[in-house]
N, C-alpha and C. Protein backbone atom coordinates (compact mmCIF):
# COMPACT_ATOMS: atom_id res chain seq x y z
N LEU A 1 28.57 122.75 25.17
CA LEU A 1 28.95 121.42 24.76
C LEU A 1 29.99 121.44 23.65
N GLU A 2 30.01 122.48 22.86
CA GLU A 2 30.94 122.51 21.74
C GLU A 2 32.39 122.61 22.22
N ALA A 3 32.63 123.36 23.30
CA ALA A 3 33.99 123.52 23.79
C ALA A 3 34.52 122.22 24.41
N HIS A 4 33.67 121.49 25.12
CA HIS A 4 34.04 120.25 25.79
C HIS A 4 32.95 119.21 25.54
N PRO A 5 33.09 118.40 24.50
CA PRO A 5 32.07 117.38 24.23
C PRO A 5 32.05 116.33 25.34
N PRO A 6 30.98 115.56 25.44
CA PRO A 6 30.91 114.52 26.46
C PRO A 6 32.09 113.56 26.34
N PRO A 7 32.56 113.05 27.47
CA PRO A 7 33.76 112.20 27.45
C PRO A 7 33.48 110.82 26.85
N ILE A 8 34.56 110.14 26.53
CA ILE A 8 34.49 108.76 26.06
C ILE A 8 34.66 107.85 27.27
N VAL A 9 33.69 106.96 27.48
CA VAL A 9 33.74 106.03 28.61
C VAL A 9 33.72 104.62 28.05
N LYS A 10 34.73 103.84 28.41
CA LYS A 10 34.88 102.46 27.93
C LYS A 10 34.83 102.38 26.41
N GLY A 11 35.48 103.33 25.76
CA GLY A 11 35.60 103.31 24.31
C GLY A 11 34.39 103.81 23.54
N ARG A 12 33.36 104.28 24.24
CA ARG A 12 32.16 104.76 23.56
C ARG A 12 31.82 106.17 24.05
N ARG A 13 31.49 107.04 23.11
CA ARG A 13 31.14 108.41 23.45
C ARG A 13 29.73 108.45 24.03
N LEU A 14 29.56 109.26 25.07
CA LEU A 14 28.23 109.49 25.65
C LEU A 14 27.48 110.45 24.75
N LYS A 15 26.23 110.16 24.49
CA LYS A 15 25.43 111.01 23.61
C LYS A 15 24.34 111.67 24.44
N LEU A 16 24.42 112.99 24.58
CA LEU A 16 23.39 113.75 25.28
C LEU A 16 22.42 114.27 24.24
N ARG A 17 21.15 113.90 24.34
CA ARG A 17 20.16 114.22 23.31
C ARG A 17 19.58 115.62 23.49
N TYR A 18 18.95 115.86 24.65
CA TYR A 18 18.31 117.15 24.88
C TYR A 18 18.15 117.38 26.37
N ALA A 19 17.81 118.61 26.73
CA ALA A 19 17.61 118.98 28.13
C ALA A 19 16.30 119.72 28.26
N ALA A 20 15.66 119.58 29.42
CA ALA A 20 14.41 120.27 29.69
C ALA A 20 14.39 120.70 31.15
N GLN A 21 13.93 121.92 31.41
CA GLN A 21 13.78 122.36 32.79
C GLN A 21 12.50 121.77 33.32
N ILE A 22 12.60 121.03 34.44
CA ILE A 22 11.43 120.34 34.97
C ILE A 22 10.94 120.93 36.28
N LYS A 23 11.71 121.82 36.88
CA LYS A 23 11.32 122.43 38.15
C LYS A 23 11.93 123.81 38.23
N ARG A 24 11.27 124.71 38.97
CA ARG A 24 11.75 126.09 39.04
C ARG A 24 12.56 126.40 40.28
N ARG A 25 12.15 125.90 41.43
CA ARG A 25 12.85 126.25 42.67
C ARG A 25 13.25 125.01 43.42
N PRO A 26 14.51 124.67 43.48
CA PRO A 26 15.62 125.23 42.73
C PRO A 26 15.55 124.80 41.27
N PRO A 27 16.18 125.55 40.38
CA PRO A 27 16.15 125.18 38.97
C PRO A 27 16.68 123.75 38.78
N THR A 28 15.85 122.91 38.19
CA THR A 28 16.20 121.52 37.96
C THR A 28 16.10 121.23 36.48
N VAL A 29 17.16 120.67 35.93
CA VAL A 29 17.23 120.38 34.50
C VAL A 29 17.41 118.88 34.33
N ALA A 30 16.56 118.28 33.51
CA ALA A 30 16.70 116.86 33.16
C ALA A 30 17.41 116.79 31.81
N ILE A 31 18.48 116.02 31.76
CA ILE A 31 19.23 115.83 30.53
C ILE A 31 19.07 114.37 30.11
N PHE A 32 18.59 114.18 28.89
CA PHE A 32 18.33 112.85 28.38
C PHE A 32 19.45 112.44 27.44
N GLY A 33 19.91 111.21 27.58
CA GLY A 33 20.97 110.74 26.72
C GLY A 33 21.24 109.27 26.92
N SER A 34 22.31 108.80 26.31
CA SER A 34 22.68 107.40 26.42
C SER A 34 23.53 107.18 27.67
N ARG A 35 23.32 106.11 28.33
CA ARG A 35 24.10 105.68 29.50
C ARG A 35 24.30 106.78 30.54
N PRO A 36 23.23 107.27 31.17
CA PRO A 36 23.38 108.37 32.13
C PRO A 36 24.22 107.99 33.35
N SER A 37 24.26 106.72 33.70
CA SER A 37 25.05 106.33 34.88
C SER A 37 26.55 106.42 34.63
N ALA A 38 26.97 106.51 33.37
CA ALA A 38 28.39 106.57 33.04
C ALA A 38 28.93 108.00 32.95
N VAL A 39 28.07 109.00 33.08
CA VAL A 39 28.52 110.40 32.98
C VAL A 39 29.29 110.76 34.25
N PRO A 40 30.54 111.21 34.14
CA PRO A 40 31.32 111.57 35.33
C PRO A 40 30.75 112.80 36.04
N GLU A 41 30.93 112.84 37.34
CA GLU A 41 30.43 113.96 38.15
C GLU A 41 31.06 115.27 37.71
N SER A 42 32.31 115.24 37.26
CA SER A 42 32.97 116.46 36.82
C SER A 42 32.27 117.05 35.59
N TYR A 43 31.75 116.20 34.71
CA TYR A 43 31.05 116.70 33.52
C TYR A 43 29.68 117.26 33.90
N VAL A 44 29.04 116.68 34.91
CA VAL A 44 27.76 117.22 35.40
C VAL A 44 27.98 118.61 35.98
N ARG A 45 29.08 118.80 36.73
CA ARG A 45 29.41 120.13 37.26
C ARG A 45 29.68 121.11 36.14
N TYR A 46 30.37 120.67 35.09
CA TYR A 46 30.64 121.52 33.92
C TYR A 46 29.32 121.98 33.30
N LEU A 47 28.36 121.08 33.15
CA LEU A 47 27.06 121.44 32.57
C LEU A 47 26.32 122.43 33.46
N ALA A 48 26.32 122.19 34.78
CA ALA A 48 25.64 123.10 35.70
C ALA A 48 26.28 124.49 35.67
N ASN A 49 27.59 124.55 35.65
CA ASN A 49 28.27 125.85 35.59
C ASN A 49 28.00 126.56 34.27
N GLY A 50 27.89 125.81 33.18
CA GLY A 50 27.56 126.41 31.89
C GLY A 50 26.15 126.99 31.88
N ILE A 51 25.21 126.29 32.51
CA ILE A 51 23.84 126.81 32.61
C ILE A 51 23.83 128.08 33.44
N ARG A 52 24.56 128.08 34.57
CA ARG A 52 24.64 129.28 35.41
C ARG A 52 25.20 130.46 34.62
N ARG A 53 26.25 130.22 33.86
CA ARG A 53 26.89 131.30 33.10
C ARG A 53 25.98 131.80 31.98
N ASP A 54 25.39 130.90 31.21
CA ASP A 54 24.58 131.29 30.05
C ASP A 54 23.28 131.99 30.44
N PHE A 55 22.69 131.62 31.57
CA PHE A 55 21.42 132.22 31.98
C PHE A 55 21.58 133.25 33.09
N ASP A 56 22.82 133.66 33.37
CA ASP A 56 23.12 134.70 34.36
C ASP A 56 22.48 134.38 35.71
N LEU A 57 22.85 133.23 36.27
CA LEU A 57 22.32 132.78 37.56
C LEU A 57 23.47 132.53 38.55
N PRO A 58 24.27 133.56 38.86
CA PRO A 58 25.41 133.31 39.76
C PRO A 58 24.94 132.94 41.17
N GLY A 59 25.53 131.92 41.73
CA GLY A 59 25.23 131.52 43.10
C GLY A 59 23.95 130.73 43.27
N VAL A 60 23.25 130.45 42.19
CA VAL A 60 21.99 129.70 42.29
C VAL A 60 22.31 128.21 42.20
N PRO A 61 21.81 127.41 43.16
CA PRO A 61 22.05 125.97 43.06
C PRO A 61 21.21 125.38 41.92
N ILE A 62 21.84 124.64 41.05
CA ILE A 62 21.15 124.03 39.91
C ILE A 62 21.28 122.52 40.04
N ARG A 63 20.15 121.84 39.96
CA ARG A 63 20.15 120.38 40.00
C ARG A 63 20.15 119.85 38.58
N ILE A 64 20.96 118.84 38.37
CA ILE A 64 21.02 118.18 37.06
C ILE A 64 20.59 116.73 37.28
N LEU A 65 19.56 116.30 36.58
CA LEU A 65 19.11 114.91 36.61
C LEU A 65 19.43 114.29 35.26
N LEU A 66 20.10 113.17 35.27
CA LEU A 66 20.44 112.48 34.03
C LEU A 66 19.47 111.31 33.86
N ARG A 67 18.86 111.25 32.69
CA ARG A 67 17.88 110.19 32.42
C ARG A 67 18.20 109.54 31.09
N ALA A 68 17.85 108.28 30.99
CA ALA A 68 18.06 107.55 29.73
C ALA A 68 16.96 107.91 28.76
N ALA A 69 17.33 108.15 27.53
CA ALA A 69 16.35 108.43 26.48
C ALA A 69 15.66 107.12 26.11
N ALA A 70 14.39 107.20 25.76
CA ALA A 70 13.64 106.01 25.39
C ALA A 70 14.14 105.47 24.05
N ASN A 71 14.29 104.17 23.98
CA ASN A 71 14.73 103.52 22.74
C ASN A 71 13.49 103.04 21.99
N PRO A 72 13.18 103.62 20.84
CA PRO A 72 11.96 103.23 20.13
C PRO A 72 12.05 101.82 19.53
N TYR A 73 13.24 101.25 19.45
CA TYR A 73 13.41 99.93 18.85
C TYR A 73 13.46 98.81 19.89
N ALA A 74 13.45 99.16 21.17
CA ALA A 74 13.52 98.15 22.22
C ALA A 74 12.18 97.44 22.36
N GLU A 75 12.24 96.21 22.82
CA GLU A 75 11.01 95.48 23.12
C GLU A 75 10.30 96.19 24.26
N ASP A 76 9.02 95.95 24.43
CA ASP A 76 8.25 96.64 25.48
C ASP A 76 8.81 96.37 26.87
N GLY A 77 9.31 95.20 27.14
CA GLY A 77 9.84 94.87 28.45
C GLY A 77 11.24 95.41 28.70
N GLN A 78 11.92 95.92 27.69
CA GLN A 78 13.31 96.36 27.84
C GLN A 78 13.46 97.86 27.93
N ARG A 79 12.41 98.62 27.97
CA ARG A 79 12.53 100.08 28.00
C ARG A 79 12.86 100.59 29.34
């Protein structure tokens, strides 16, 4: 992430909070952040390729799921 931070979409930077591996076969990673629907597909590919490189998983299909982080200040009906 340091080499290529998340892009700016409609004048606002996307904030990726944290990632967690939620499944093993195929490796599936859930990434929590703000506005997951606005993350471009090219940036999702960049993240998947970075995971493959860092964990030495050449040729392994990696699924990336983008999820919205819970807002602790939102009303109960707006989460």
